[in-house]
Amino acid sequence: MNWDKDAIFKALGDSTRRLILDELSERNELTLYELTVRLIMKHDLSISRQAIAKHLAALEDAGLVISKRKGKYRVVSSVYCS
């Protein structure tokens, strides 16, 4: 795989994105709703699902997470836990 190092470092430069990766390393394959609940409950973040979706898009653009459809839900997982 050809990694874009600038995109990876830019994606990892945000603390919320690092928390998202931490959550995905603990429990791979989370829906957006599950991820939002975990971030709010465990890390006391005040963040919307829309904001998390934008962070996930940046992580996906950097090649750090992948998303796939499972039924009516979109599930996100870390490329390192697949």
C-alpha atoms as a PDB file:
ATOM      1  CA  MET A   1       0.000   0.000   0.000  1.00  0.00           C
ATOM      2  CA  ASN A   2       1.268   3.466  -0.877  1.00  0.00           C
ATOM      3  CA  TRP A   3       0.907   5.707   2.190  1.00  0.00           C
ATOM      4  CA  ASP A   4       0.542   9.479   1.946  1.00  0.00           C
ATOM      5  CA  LYS A   5       2.592  10.448   4.999  1.00  0.00           C
ATOM      6  CA  ASP A   6       1.433  14.072   4.964  1.00  0.00           C
ATOM      7  CA  ALA A   7      -2.232  13.012   5.021  1.00  0.00           C
ATOM      8  CA  ILE A   8      -1.553  10.546   7.833  1.00  0.00           C
ATOM      9  CA  PHE A   9       0.250  13.085  10.012  1.00  0.00           C
ATOM     10  CA  LYS A  10      -2.423  15.697   9.301  1.00  0.00           C
ATOM     11  CA  ALA A  11      -5.141  13.226  10.312  1.00  0.00           C
ATOM     12  CA  LEU A  12      -3.273  12.247  13.481  1.00  0.00           C
ATOM     13  CA  GLY A  13      -2.700  15.896  14.409  1.00  0.00           C
ATOM     14  CA  ASP A  14      -6.208  16.146  15.849  1.00  0.00           C
ATOM     15  CA  SER A  15      -6.831  14.745  19.348  1.00  0.00           C
ATOM     16  CA  THR A  16     -10.420  13.711  18.548  1.00  0.00           C
ATOM     17  CA  ARG A  17      -9.203  11.623  15.625  1.00  0.00           C
ATOM     18  CA  ARG A  18      -6.659   9.934  17.866  1.00  0.00           C
ATOM     19  CA  LEU A  19      -9.462   9.121  20.329  1.00  0.00           C
ATOM     20  CA  ILE A  20     -11.494   7.648  17.472  1.00  0.00           C
ATOM     21  CA  LEU A  21      -8.573   5.394  16.539  1.00  0.00           C
ATOM     22  CA  ASP A  22      -8.175   4.389  20.201  1.00  0.00           C
ATOM     23  CA  GLU A  23     -11.837   3.394  20.358  1.00  0.00           C
ATOM     24  CA  LEU A  24     -11.566   1.426  17.126  1.00  0.00           C
ATOM     25  CA  SER A  25      -8.496  -0.387  18.441  1.00  0.00           C
ATOM     26  CA  GLU A  26     -10.476  -1.480  21.522  1.00  0.00           C
ATOM     27  CA  ARG A  27     -13.584  -2.539  19.654  1.00  0.00           C
ATOM     28  CA  ASN A  28     -13.265  -2.771  15.911  1.00  0.00           C
ATOM     29  CA  GLU A  29     -16.316  -2.280  13.693  1.00  0.00           C
ATOM     30  CA  LEU A  30     -18.384   0.455  15.279  1.00  0.00           C
ATOM     31  CA  THR A  31     -21.320   2.294  13.790  1.00  0.00           C
ATOM     32  CA  LEU A  32     -21.268   6.083  13.843  1.00  0.00           C
ATOM     33  CA  TYR A  33     -23.836   6.054  16.653  1.00  0.00           C
ATOM     34  CA  GLU A  34     -21.830   3.553  18.747  1.00  0.00           C
ATOM     35  CA  LEU A  35     -18.649   5.541  18.235  1.00  0.00           C
ATOM     36  CA  THR A  36     -20.379   8.787  19.223  1.00  0.00           C
ATOM     37  CA  VAL A  37     -21.760   7.250  22.420  1.00  0.00           C
ATOM     38  CA  ARG A  38     -18.367   5.795  23.377  1.00  0.00           C
ATOM     39  CA  LEU A  39     -16.599   9.129  22.833  1.00  0.00           C
ATOM     40  CA  ILE A  40     -19.189  11.050  24.841  1.00  0.00           C
ATOM     41  CA  MET A  41     -19.385   8.557  27.714  1.00  0.00           C
ATOM     42  CA  LYS A  42     -15.727   7.539  28.057  1.00  0.00           C
ATOM     43  CA  HIS A  43     -14.011  10.794  27.175  1.00  0.00           C
ATOM     44  CA  ASP A  44     -16.647  13.330  28.213  1.00  0.00           C
ATOM     45  CA  LEU A  45     -16.620  14.935  24.771  1.00  0.00           C
ATOM     46  CA  SER A  46     -19.359  17.264  23.639  1.00  0.00           C
ATOM     47  CA  ILE A  47     -19.476  16.337  19.958  1.00  0.00           C
ATOM     48  CA  SER A  48     -22.150  15.627  17.373  1.00  0.00           C
ATOM     49  CA  ARG A  49     -22.416  12.645  15.060  1.00  0.00           C
ATOM     50  CA  GLN A  50     -21.933  15.031  12.146  1.00  0.00           C
ATOM     51  CA  ALA A  51     -18.618  16.245  13.569  1.00  0.00           C
ATOM     52  CA  ILE A  52     -17.461  12.665  14.121  1.00  0.00           C
ATOM     53  CA  ALA A  53     -18.464  11.823  10.545  1.00  0.00           C
ATOM     54  CA  LYS A  54     -16.183  14.630   9.317  1.00  0.00           C
ATOM     55  CA  HIS A  55     -13.316  13.291  11.447  1.00  0.00           C
ATOM     56  CA  LEU A  56     -13.940   9.796  10.071  1.00  0.00           C
ATOM     57  CA  ALA A  57     -13.818  11.158   6.518  1.00  0.00           C
ATOM     58  CA  ALA A  58     -10.382  12.664   7.218  1.00  0.00           C
ATOM     59  CA  LEU A  59      -9.178   9.374   8.711  1.00  0.00           C
ATOM     60  CA  GLU A  60     -10.559   7.444   5.746  1.00  0.00           C
ATOM     61  CA  ASP A  61      -8.904   9.842   3.275  1.00  0.00           C
ATOM     62  CA  ALA A  62      -5.598   9.186   5.054  1.00  0.00           C
ATOM     63  CA  GLY A  63      -6.155   5.425   4.754  1.00  0.00           C
ATOM     64  CA  LEU A  64      -6.343   4.852   8.514  1.00  0.00           C
ATOM     65  CA  VAL A  65      -9.943   3.603   8.678  1.00  0.00           C
ATOM     66  CA  ILE A  66     -12.326   1.895   6.301  1.00  0.00           C
ATOM     67  CA  SER A  67     -16.090   1.926   6.239  1.00  0.00           C
ATOM     68  CA  LYS A  68     -18.493  -0.601   4.806  1.00  0.00           C
ATOM     69  CA  ARG A  69     -22.218  -1.092   4.728  1.00  0.00           C
ATOM     70  CA  LYS A  70     -23.736  -3.792   6.955  1.00  0.00           C
ATOM     71  CA  GLY A  71     -27.456  -3.859   6.364  1.00  0.00           C
ATOM     72  CA  LYS A  72     -28.791  -0.362   6.912  1.00  0.00           C
ATOM     73  CA  TYR A  73     -25.749   0.742   8.929  1.00  0.00           C
ATOM     74  CA  ARG A  74     -22.314   1.937   7.908  1.00  0.00           C
ATOM     75  CA  VAL A  75     -19.627   0.311  10.031  1.00  0.00           C
ATOM     76  CA  VAL A  76     -16.175   1.817  10.528  1.00  0.00           C
ATOM     77  CA  SER A  77     -13.028  -0.115  11.401  1.00  0.00           C
ATOM     78  CA  SER A  78      -9.335   0.611  11.732  1.00  0.00           C
ATOM     79  CA  VAL A  79      -7.103  -0.735   8.977  1.00  0.00           C
ATOM     80  CA  TYR A  80      -4.764  -2.013  11.686  1.00  0.00           C
ATOM     81  CA  CYS A  81      -7.436  -4.173  13.348  1.00  0.00           C
ATOM     82  CA  SER A  82      -8.959  -5.699  10.203  1.00  0.00           C
END
